Amino acid sequence: MTKEEQNSSEKQEYEWIDDAFRVEQQRWGTWTSYNKEGKGLVTSITREAVVSGTRFYLKGVQEGWPEDSSRSYEGTVGGKL
């Protein structure tokens, strides 16, 4: 059996949080959450922060973001410097 065959035959088990996303610790120490399709959602320095941030993000996606979030801001400074 080649390495590719061995890797494809191994099923990786993940801990699903709220049956909506999973988290993984990256090799450089950060934590990243992924949805069921494998799309990266939130990255943070601790597991607790990524779980909390992902729950907040998914709630916003599900319920819709507040109307005020559609406002835009200009990134330039007016006047003479």
PDB file of N, CA and C in Angstrom:
ATOM      1  N   MET A   1       0.853  -1.187   0.000  1.00  0.00           N
ATOM      2  CA  MET A   1       0.000   0.000   0.000  1.00  0.00           C
ATOM      3  C   MET A   1       0.892   1.242   0.000  1.00  0.00           C
ATOM      4  N   THR A   2       0.630   2.162  -0.922  1.00  0.00           N
ATOM      5  CA  THR A   2       1.416   3.388  -0.989  1.00  0.00           C
ATOM      6  C   THR A   2       0.958   4.355   0.087  1.00  0.00           C
ATOM      7  N   LYS A   3       1.746   5.397   0.301  1.00  0.00           N
ATOM      8  CA  LYS A   3       1.390   6.410   1.302  1.00  0.00           C
ATOM      9  C   LYS A   3       0.083   7.119   0.948  1.00  0.00           C
ATOM     10  N   GLU A   4      -0.112   7.390  -0.345  1.00  0.00           N
ATOM     11  CA  GLU A   4      -1.338   8.062  -0.771  1.00  0.00           C
ATOM     12  C   GLU A   4      -2.565   7.216  -0.464  1.00  0.00           C
ATOM     13  N   GLU A   5      -2.458   5.906  -0.735  1.00  0.00           N
ATOM     14  CA  GLU A   5      -3.569   5.002  -0.454  1.00  0.00           C
ATOM     15  C   GLU A   5      -3.837   4.909   1.042  1.00  0.00           C
ATOM     16  N   GLN A   6      -2.760   4.869   1.813  1.00  0.00           N
ATOM     17  CA  GLN A   6      -2.897   4.778   3.258  1.00  0.00           C
ATOM     18  C   GLN A   6      -3.545   6.038   3.818  1.00  0.00           C
ATOM     19  N   ASN A   7      -3.094   7.219   3.351  1.00  0.00           N
ATOM     20  CA  ASN A   7      -3.653   8.479   3.829  1.00  0.00           C
ATOM     21  C   ASN A   7      -5.111   8.635   3.437  1.00  0.00           C
ATOM     22  N   SER A   8      -5.483   8.207   2.226  1.00  0.00           N
ATOM     23  CA  SER A   8      -6.861   8.355   1.793  1.00  0.00           C
ATOM     24  C   SER A   8      -7.782   7.365   2.487  1.00  0.00           C
ATOM     25  N   SER A   9      -7.250   6.224   2.931  1.00  0.00           N
ATOM     26  CA  SER A   9      -8.092   5.239   3.595  1.00  0.00           C
ATOM     27  C   SER A   9      -8.303   5.554   5.071  1.00  0.00           C
ATOM     28  N   GLU A  10      -7.438   6.374   5.660  1.00  0.00           N
ATOM     29  CA  GLU A  10      -7.592   6.742   7.063  1.00  0.00           C
ATOM     30  C   GLU A  10      -8.650   7.827   7.183  1.00  0.00           C
ATOM     31  N   LYS A  11      -9.597   7.614   8.063  1.00  0.00           N
ATOM     32  CA  LYS A  11     -10.616   8.632   8.305  1.00  0.00           C
ATOM     33  C   LYS A  11     -10.234   9.376   9.575  1.00  0.00           C
ATOM     34  N   GLN A  12     -10.224  10.685   9.480  1.00  0.00           N
ATOM     35  CA  GLN A  12      -9.860  11.489  10.622  1.00  0.00           C
ATOM     36  C   GLN A  12     -11.119  11.858  11.389  1.00  0.00           C
ATOM     37  N   GLU A  13     -11.084  11.668  12.688  1.00  0.00           N
ATOM     38  CA  GLU A  13     -12.210  12.006  13.547  1.00  0.00           C
ATOM     39  C   GLU A  13     -11.998  13.403  14.121  1.00  0.00           C
ATOM     40  N   TYR A  14     -13.050  14.183  14.125  1.00  0.00           N
ATOM     41  CA  TYR A  14     -12.978  15.534  14.655  1.00  0.00           C
ATOM     42  C   TYR A  14     -14.010  15.694  15.749  1.00  0.00           C
ATOM     43  N   GLU A  15     -13.749  16.615  16.643  1.00  0.00           N
ATOM     44  CA  GLU A  15     -14.737  16.984  17.656  1.00  0.00           C
ATOM     45  C   GLU A  15     -15.586  18.102  17.060  1.00  0.00           C
ATOM     46  N   TRP A  16     -16.853  17.808  16.812  1.00  0.00           N
ATOM     47  CA  TRP A  16     -17.763  18.801  16.250  1.00  0.00           C
ATOM     48  C   TRP A  16     -18.367  19.596  17.388  1.00  0.00           C
ATOM     49  N   ILE A  17     -18.319  20.907  17.281  1.00  0.00           N
ATOM     50  CA  ILE A  17     -18.852  21.794  18.303  1.00  0.00           C
ATOM     51  C   ILE A  17     -20.197  22.295  17.824  1.00  0.00           C
ATOM     52  N   ASP A  18     -21.214  22.136  18.667  1.00  0.00           N
ATOM     53  CA  ASP A  18     -22.592  22.524  18.349  1.00  0.00           C
ATOM     54  C   ASP A  18     -23.074  21.864  17.057  1.00  0.00           C
ATOM     55  N   ASP A  19     -22.468  20.776  16.678  1.00  0.00           N
ATOM     56  CA  ASP A  19     -22.785  20.056  15.442  1.00  0.00           C
ATOM     57  C   ASP A  19     -22.762  20.993  14.221  1.00  0.00           C
ATOM     58  N   ALA A  20     -21.919  22.026  14.281  1.00  0.00           N
ATOM     59  CA  ALA A  20     -21.868  23.012  13.202  1.00  0.00           C
ATOM     60  C   ALA A  20     -20.451  23.271  12.692  1.00  0.00           C
ATOM     61  N   PHE A  21     -19.441  23.132  13.545  1.00  0.00           N
ATOM     62  CA  PHE A  21     -18.068  23.414  13.140  1.00  0.00           C
ATOM     63  C   PHE A  21     -17.101  22.605  13.986  1.00  0.00           C
ATOM     64  N   ARG A  22     -15.865  22.526  13.504  1.00  0.00           N
ATOM     65  CA  ARG A  22     -14.803  21.844  14.235  1.00  0.00           C
ATOM     66  C   ARG A  22     -13.621  22.792  14.388  1.00  0.00           C
ATOM     67  N   VAL A  23     -12.759  22.515  15.343  1.00  0.00           N
ATOM     68  CA  VAL A  23     -11.561  23.333  15.540  1.00  0.00           C
ATOM     69  C   VAL A  23     -10.336  22.435  15.482  1.00  0.00           C
ATOM     70  N   GLU A  24      -9.251  23.013  15.004  1.00  0.00           N
ATOM     71  CA  GLU A  24      -7.971  22.309  14.925  1.00  0.00           C
ATOM     72  C   GLU A  24      -6.870  23.248  15.377  1.00  0.00           C
ATOM     73  N   GLN A  25      -5.889  22.685  16.075  1.00  0.00           N
ATOM     74  CA  GLN A  25      -4.710  23.471  16.407  1.00  0.00           C
ATOM     75  C   GLN A  25      -3.730  23.353  15.257  1.00  0.00           C
ATOM     76  N   GLN A  26      -3.251  24.483  14.783  1.00  0.00           N
ATOM     77  CA  GLN A  26      -2.300  24.517  13.679  1.00  0.00           C
ATOM     78  C   GLN A  26      -0.902  24.244  14.210  1.00  0.00           C
ATOM     79  N   ARG A  27       0.001  23.921  13.335  1.00  0.00           N
ATOM     80  CA  ARG A  27       1.357  23.565  13.772  1.00  0.00           C
ATOM     81  C   ARG A  27       2.091  24.734  14.413  1.00  0.00           C
ATOM     82  N   TRP A  28       1.699  25.964  14.127  1.00  0.00           N
ATOM     83  CA  TRP A  28       2.375  27.131  14.699  1.00  0.00           C
ATOM     84  C   TRP A  28       1.689  27.610  15.971  1.00  0.00           C
ATOM     85  N   GLY A  29       0.675  26.866  16.457  1.00  0.00           N
ATOM     86  CA  GLY A  29       0.088  27.147  17.761  1.00  0.00           C
ATOM     87  C   GLY A  29      -1.254  27.853  17.751  1.00  0.00           C
ATOM     88  N   THR A  30      -1.677  28.374  16.621  1.00  0.00           N
ATOM     89  CA  THR A  30      -2.982  29.021  16.567  1.00  0.00           C
ATOM     90  C   THR A  30      -4.073  27.978  16.382  1.00  0.00           C
ATOM     91  N   TRP A  31      -5.316  28.385  16.588  1.00  0.00           N
ATOM     92  CA  TRP A  31      -6.471  27.510  16.421  1.00  0.00           C
ATOM     93  C   TRP A  31      -7.327  28.059  15.290  1.00  0.00           C
ATOM     94  N   THR A  32      -7.890  27.170  14.464  1.00  0.00           N
ATOM     95  CA  THR A  32      -8.748  27.561  13.348  1.00  0.00           C
ATOM     96  C   THR A  32     -10.009  26.712  13.380  1.00  0.00           C
ATOM     97  N   SER A  33     -11.147  27.355  13.087  1.00  0.00           N
ATOM     98  CA  SER A  33     -12.403  26.617  13.000  1.00  0.00           C
ATOM     99  C   SER A  33     -12.758  26.406  11.538  1.00  0.00           C
ATOM    100  N   TYR A  34     -13.454  25.299  11.266  1.00  0.00           N
ATOM    101  CA  TYR A  34     -13.852  24.918   9.915  1.00  0.00           C
ATOM    102  C   TYR A  34     -15.315  24.495   9.925  1.00  0.00           C
ATOM    103  N   ASN A  35     -16.051  24.849   8.870  1.00  0.00           N
ATOM    104  CA  ASN A  35     -17.429  24.383   8.765  1.00  0.00           C
ATOM    105  C   ASN A  35     -17.436  22.957   8.232  1.00  0.00           C
ATOM    106  N   LYS A  36     -18.623  22.390   8.012  1.00  0.00           N
ATOM    107  CA  LYS A  36     -18.721  20.989   7.581  1.00  0.00           C
ATOM    108  C   LYS A  36     -18.167  20.761   6.186  1.00  0.00           C
ATOM    109  N   GLU A  37     -18.103  21.814   5.371  1.00  0.00           N
ATOM    110  CA  GLU A  37     -17.538  21.688   4.026  1.00  0.00           C
ATOM    111  C   GLU A  37     -16.022  21.853   4.029  1.00  0.00           C
ATOM    112  N   GLY A  38     -15.431  22.168   5.183  1.00  0.00           N
ATOM    113  CA  GLY A  38     -13.992  22.324   5.290  1.00  0.00           C
ATOM    114  C   GLY A  38     -13.493  23.739   5.085  1.00  0.00           C
ATOM    115  N   LYS A  39     -14.402  24.707   4.968  1.00  0.00           N
ATOM    116  CA  LYS A  39     -14.012  26.100   4.782  1.00  0.00           C
ATOM    117  C   LYS A  39     -13.563  26.689   6.119  1.00  0.00           C
ATOM    118  N   GLY A  40     -12.404  27.346   6.117  1.00  0.00           N
ATOM    119  CA  GLY A  40     -11.911  27.997   7.324  1.00  0.00           C
ATOM    120  C   GLY A  40     -12.791  29.174   7.706  1.00  0.00           C
ATOM    121  N   LEU A  41     -13.103  29.291   8.995  1.00  0.00           N
ATOM    122  CA  LEU A  41     -13.998  30.350   9.446  1.00  0.00           C
ATOM    123  C   LEU A  41     -13.276  31.403  10.282  1.00  0.00           C
ATOM    124  N   VAL A  42     -12.732  31.002  11.421  1.00  0.00           N
ATOM    125  CA  VAL A  42     -12.128  31.951  12.359  1.00  0.00           C
ATOM    126  C   VAL A  42     -10.794  31.374  12.830  1.00  0.00           C
ATOM    127  N   THR A  43      -9.792  32.229  12.991  1.00  0.00           N
ATOM    128  CA  THR A  43      -8.501  31.833  13.546  1.00  0.00           C
ATOM    129  C   THR A  43      -8.227  32.682  14.768  1.00  0.00           C
ATOM    130  N   SER A  44      -7.705  32.047  15.825  1.00  0.00           N
ATOM    131  CA  SER A  44      -7.404  32.771  17.059  1.00  0.00           C
ATOM    132  C   SER A  44      -6.236  32.101  17.766  1.00  0.00           C
ATOM    133  N   ILE A  45      -5.772  32.730  18.815  1.00  0.00           N
ATOM    134  CA  ILE A  45      -4.612  32.242  19.542  1.00  0.00           C
ATOM    135  C   ILE A  45      -4.960  31.132  20.528  1.00  0.00           C
ATOM    136  N   THR A  46      -6.215  31.084  21.023  1.00  0.00           N
ATOM    137  CA  THR A  46      -6.619  30.030  21.955  1.00  0.00           C
ATOM    138  C   THR A  46      -7.841  29.291  21.427  1.00  0.00           C
ATOM    139  N   ARG A  47      -8.032  28.092  21.915  1.00  0.00           N
ATOM    140  CA  ARG A  47      -9.181  27.282  21.504  1.00  0.00           C
ATOM    141  C   ARG A  47     -10.486  27.941  21.950  1.00  0.00           C
ATOM    142  N   GLU A  48     -10.505  28.444  23.175  1.00  0.00           N
ATOM    143  CA  GLU A  48     -11.711  29.071  23.701  1.00  0.00           C
ATOM    144  C   GLU A  48     -12.109  30.297  22.883  1.00  0.00           C
ATOM    145  N   ALA A  49     -11.132  31.074  22.468  1.00  0.00           N
ATOM    146  CA  ALA A  49     -11.418  32.275  21.685  1.00  0.00           C
ATOM    147  C   ALA A  49     -11.942  31.934  20.299  1.00  0.00           C
ATOM    148  N   VAL A  50     -11.405  30.881  19.683  1.00  0.00           N
ATOM    149  CA  VAL A  50     -11.880  30.513  18.350  1.00  0.00           C
ATOM    150  C   VAL A  50     -13.292  29.925  18.427  1.00  0.00           C
ATOM    151  N   VAL A  51     -13.604  29.173  19.477  1.00  0.00           N
ATOM    152  CA  VAL A  51     -14.960  28.636  19.636  1.00  0.00           C
ATOM    153  C   VAL A  51     -15.948  29.779  19.843  1.00  0.00           C
ATOM    154  N   SER A  52     -15.619  30.708  20.722  1.00  0.00           N
ATOM    155  CA  SER A  52     -16.491  31.859  20.988  1.00  0.00           C
ATOM    156  C   SER A  52     -16.665  32.723  19.738  1.00  0.00           C
ATOM    157  N   GLY A  53     -15.579  33.012  19.055  1.00  0.00           N
ATOM    158  CA  GLY A  53     -15.642  33.834  17.851  1.00  0.00           C
ATOM    159  C   GLY A  53     -16.415  33.171  16.724  1.00  0.00           C
ATOM    160  N   THR A  54     -16.279  31.859  16.593  1.00  0.00           N
ATOM    161  CA  THR A  54     -17.004  31.138  15.547  1.00  0.00           C
ATOM    162  C   THR A  54     -18.491  31.114  15.846  1.00  0.00           C
ATOM    163  N   ARG A  55     -18.854  30.910  17.120  1.00  0.00           N
ATOM    164  CA  ARG A  55     -20.279  30.952  17.487  1.00  0.00           C
ATOM    165  C   ARG A  55     -20.873  32.320  17.175  1.00  0.00           C
ATOM    166  N   PHE A  56     -20.153  33.397  17.479  1.00  0.00           N
ATOM    167  CA  PHE A  56     -20.618  34.750  17.187  1.00  0.00           C
ATOM    168  C   PHE A  56     -20.774  34.949  15.680  1.00  0.00           C
ATOM    169  N   TYR A  57     -19.789  34.514  14.920  1.00  0.00           N
ATOM    170  CA  TYR A  57     -19.811  34.659  13.461  1.00  0.00           C
ATOM    171  C   TYR A  57     -20.982  33.895  12.848  1.00  0.00           C
ATOM    172  N   LEU A  58     -21.162  32.646  13.250  1.00  0.00           N
ATOM    173  CA  LEU A  58     -22.239  31.832  12.683  1.00  0.00           C
ATOM    174  C   LEU A  58     -23.618  32.361  13.067  1.00  0.00           C
ATOM    175  N   LYS A  59     -23.735  32.912  14.278  1.00  0.00           N
ATOM    176  CA  LYS A  59     -25.006  33.526  14.680  1.00  0.00           C
ATOM    177  C   LYS A  59     -25.305  34.730  13.794  1.00  0.00           C
ATOM    178  N   GLY A  60     -24.308  35.542  13.513  1.00  0.00           N
ATOM    179  CA  GLY A  60     -24.485  36.694  12.631  1.00  0.00           C
ATOM    180  C   GLY A  60     -24.862  36.284  11.224  1.00  0.00           C
ATOM    181  N   VAL A  61     -24.260  35.224  10.725  1.00  0.00           N
ATOM    182  CA  VAL A  61     -24.588  34.729   9.386  1.00  0.00           C
ATOM    183  C   VAL A  61     -26.023  34.208   9.358  1.00  0.00           C
ATOM    184  N   GLN A  62     -26.405  33.481  10.392  1.00  0.00           N
ATOM    185  CA  GLN A  62     -27.733  32.878  10.439  1.00  0.00           C
ATOM    186  C   GLN A  62     -28.835  33.924  10.610  1.00  0.00           C
ATOM    187  N   GLU A  63     -28.639  34.856  11.520  1.00  0.00           N
ATOM    188  CA  GLU A  63     -29.681  35.833  11.841  1.00  0.00           C
ATOM    189  C   GLU A  63     -29.580  37.105  11.022  1.00  0.00           C
ATOM    190  N   GLY A  64     -28.486  37.302  10.355  1.00  0.00           N
ATOM    191  CA  GLY A  64     -28.268  38.541   9.617  1.00  0.00           C
ATOM    192  C   GLY A  64     -27.569  39.554  10.514  1.00  0.00           C
ATOM    193  N   TRP A  65     -26.720  40.337   9.919  1.00  0.00           N
ATOM    194  CA  TRP A  65     -25.969  41.332  10.680  1.00  0.00           C
ATOM    195  C   TRP A  65     -26.835  42.572  10.873  1.00  0.00           C
ATOM    196  N   PRO A  66     -26.594  43.351  11.921  1.00  0.00           N
ATOM    197  CA  PRO A  66     -27.388  44.572  12.170  1.00  0.00           C
ATOM    198  C   PRO A  66     -27.307  45.546  10.997  1.00  0.00           C
ATOM    199  N   GLU A  67     -28.319  46.366  10.868  1.00  0.00           N
ATOM    200  CA  GLU A  67     -28.382  47.345   9.780  1.00  0.00           C
ATOM    201  C   GLU A  67     -27.183  48.288   9.789  1.00  0.00           C
ATOM    202  N   ASP A  68     -26.680  48.634  10.953  1.00  0.00           N
ATOM    203  CA  ASP A  68     -25.559  49.585  11.054  1.00  0.00           C
ATOM    204  C   ASP A  68     -24.283  49.053  10.416  1.00  0.00           C
ATOM    205  N   SER A  69     -24.186  47.757  10.215  1.00  0.00           N
ATOM    206  CA  SER A  69     -22.959  47.202   9.649  1.00  0.00           C
ATOM    207  C   SER A  69     -22.795  47.539   8.167  1.00  0.00           C
ATOM    208  N   SER A  70     -23.851  48.079   7.548  1.00  0.00           N
ATOM    209  CA  SER A  70     -23.749  48.424   6.133  1.00  0.00           C
ATOM    210  C   SER A  70     -23.113  49.798   5.914  1.00  0.00           C
ATOM    211  N   ARG A  71     -22.909  50.544   6.979  1.00  0.00           N
ATOM    212  CA  ARG A  71     -22.266  51.854   6.837  1.00  0.00           C
ATOM    213  C   ARG A  71     -20.810  51.678   6.458  1.00  0.00           C
ATOM    214  N   SER A  72     -20.318  52.588   5.660  1.00  0.00           N
ATOM    215  CA  SER A  72     -18.909  52.539   5.297  1.00  0.00           C
ATOM    216  C   SER A  72     -18.213  53.781   5.843  1.00  0.00           C
ATOM    217  N   TYR A  73     -16.939  53.663   6.028  1.00  0.00           N
ATOM    218  CA  TYR A  73     -16.140  54.749   6.563  1.00  0.00           C
ATOM    219  C   TYR A  73     -14.998  55.018   5.612  1.00  0.00           C
ATOM    220  N   GLU A  74     -14.636  56.290   5.519  1.00  0.00           N
ATOM    221  CA  GLU A  74     -13.540  56.661   4.650  1.00  0.00           C
ATOM    222  C   GLU A  74     -12.242  56.559   5.427  1.00  0.00           C
ATOM    223  N   GLY A  75     -11.221  56.031   4.797  1.00  0.00           N
ATOM    224  CA  GLY A  75      -9.953  55.794   5.468  1.00  0.00           C
ATOM    225  C   GLY A  75      -8.934  56.897   5.249  1.00  0.00           C
ATOM    226  N   THR A  76      -9.343  58.078   4.778  1.00  0.00           N
ATOM    227  CA  THR A  76      -8.398  59.161   4.564  1.00  0.00           C
ATOM    228  C   THR A  76      -8.650  60.260   5.584  1.00  0.00           C
ATOM    229  N   VAL A  77      -7.616  61.004   5.852  1.00  0.00           N
ATOM    230  CA  VAL A  77      -7.711  62.117   6.790  1.00  0.00           C
ATOM    231  C   VAL A  77      -7.915  63.395   5.985  1.00  0.00           C
ATOM    232  N   GLY A  78      -8.959  64.136   6.336  1.00  0.00           N
ATOM    233  CA  GLY A  78      -9.215  65.400   5.640  1.00  0.00           C
ATOM    234  C   GLY A  78      -8.373  66.522   6.237  1.00  0.00           C
ATOM    235  N   GLY A  79      -8.145  67.538   5.476  1.00  0.00           N
ATOM    236  CA  GLY A  79      -7.396  68.689   5.987  1.00  0.00           C
ATOM    237  C   GLY A  79      -5.931  68.608   5.628  1.00  0.00           C
ATOM    238  N   LYS A  80      -5.222  69.615   6.075  1.00  0.00           N
ATOM    239  CA  LYS A  80      -3.794  69.704   5.782  1.00  0.00           C
ATOM    240  C   LYS A  80      -3.011  69.122   6.942  1.00  0.00           C
ATOM    241  N   LEU A  81      -2.035  68.312   6.623  1.00  0.00           N
ATOM    242  CA  LEU A  81      -1.205  67.710   7.683  1.00  0.00           C
ATOM    243  C   LEU A  81       0.117  68.388   7.816  1.00  0.00           C
TER     244      LEU A  81
END
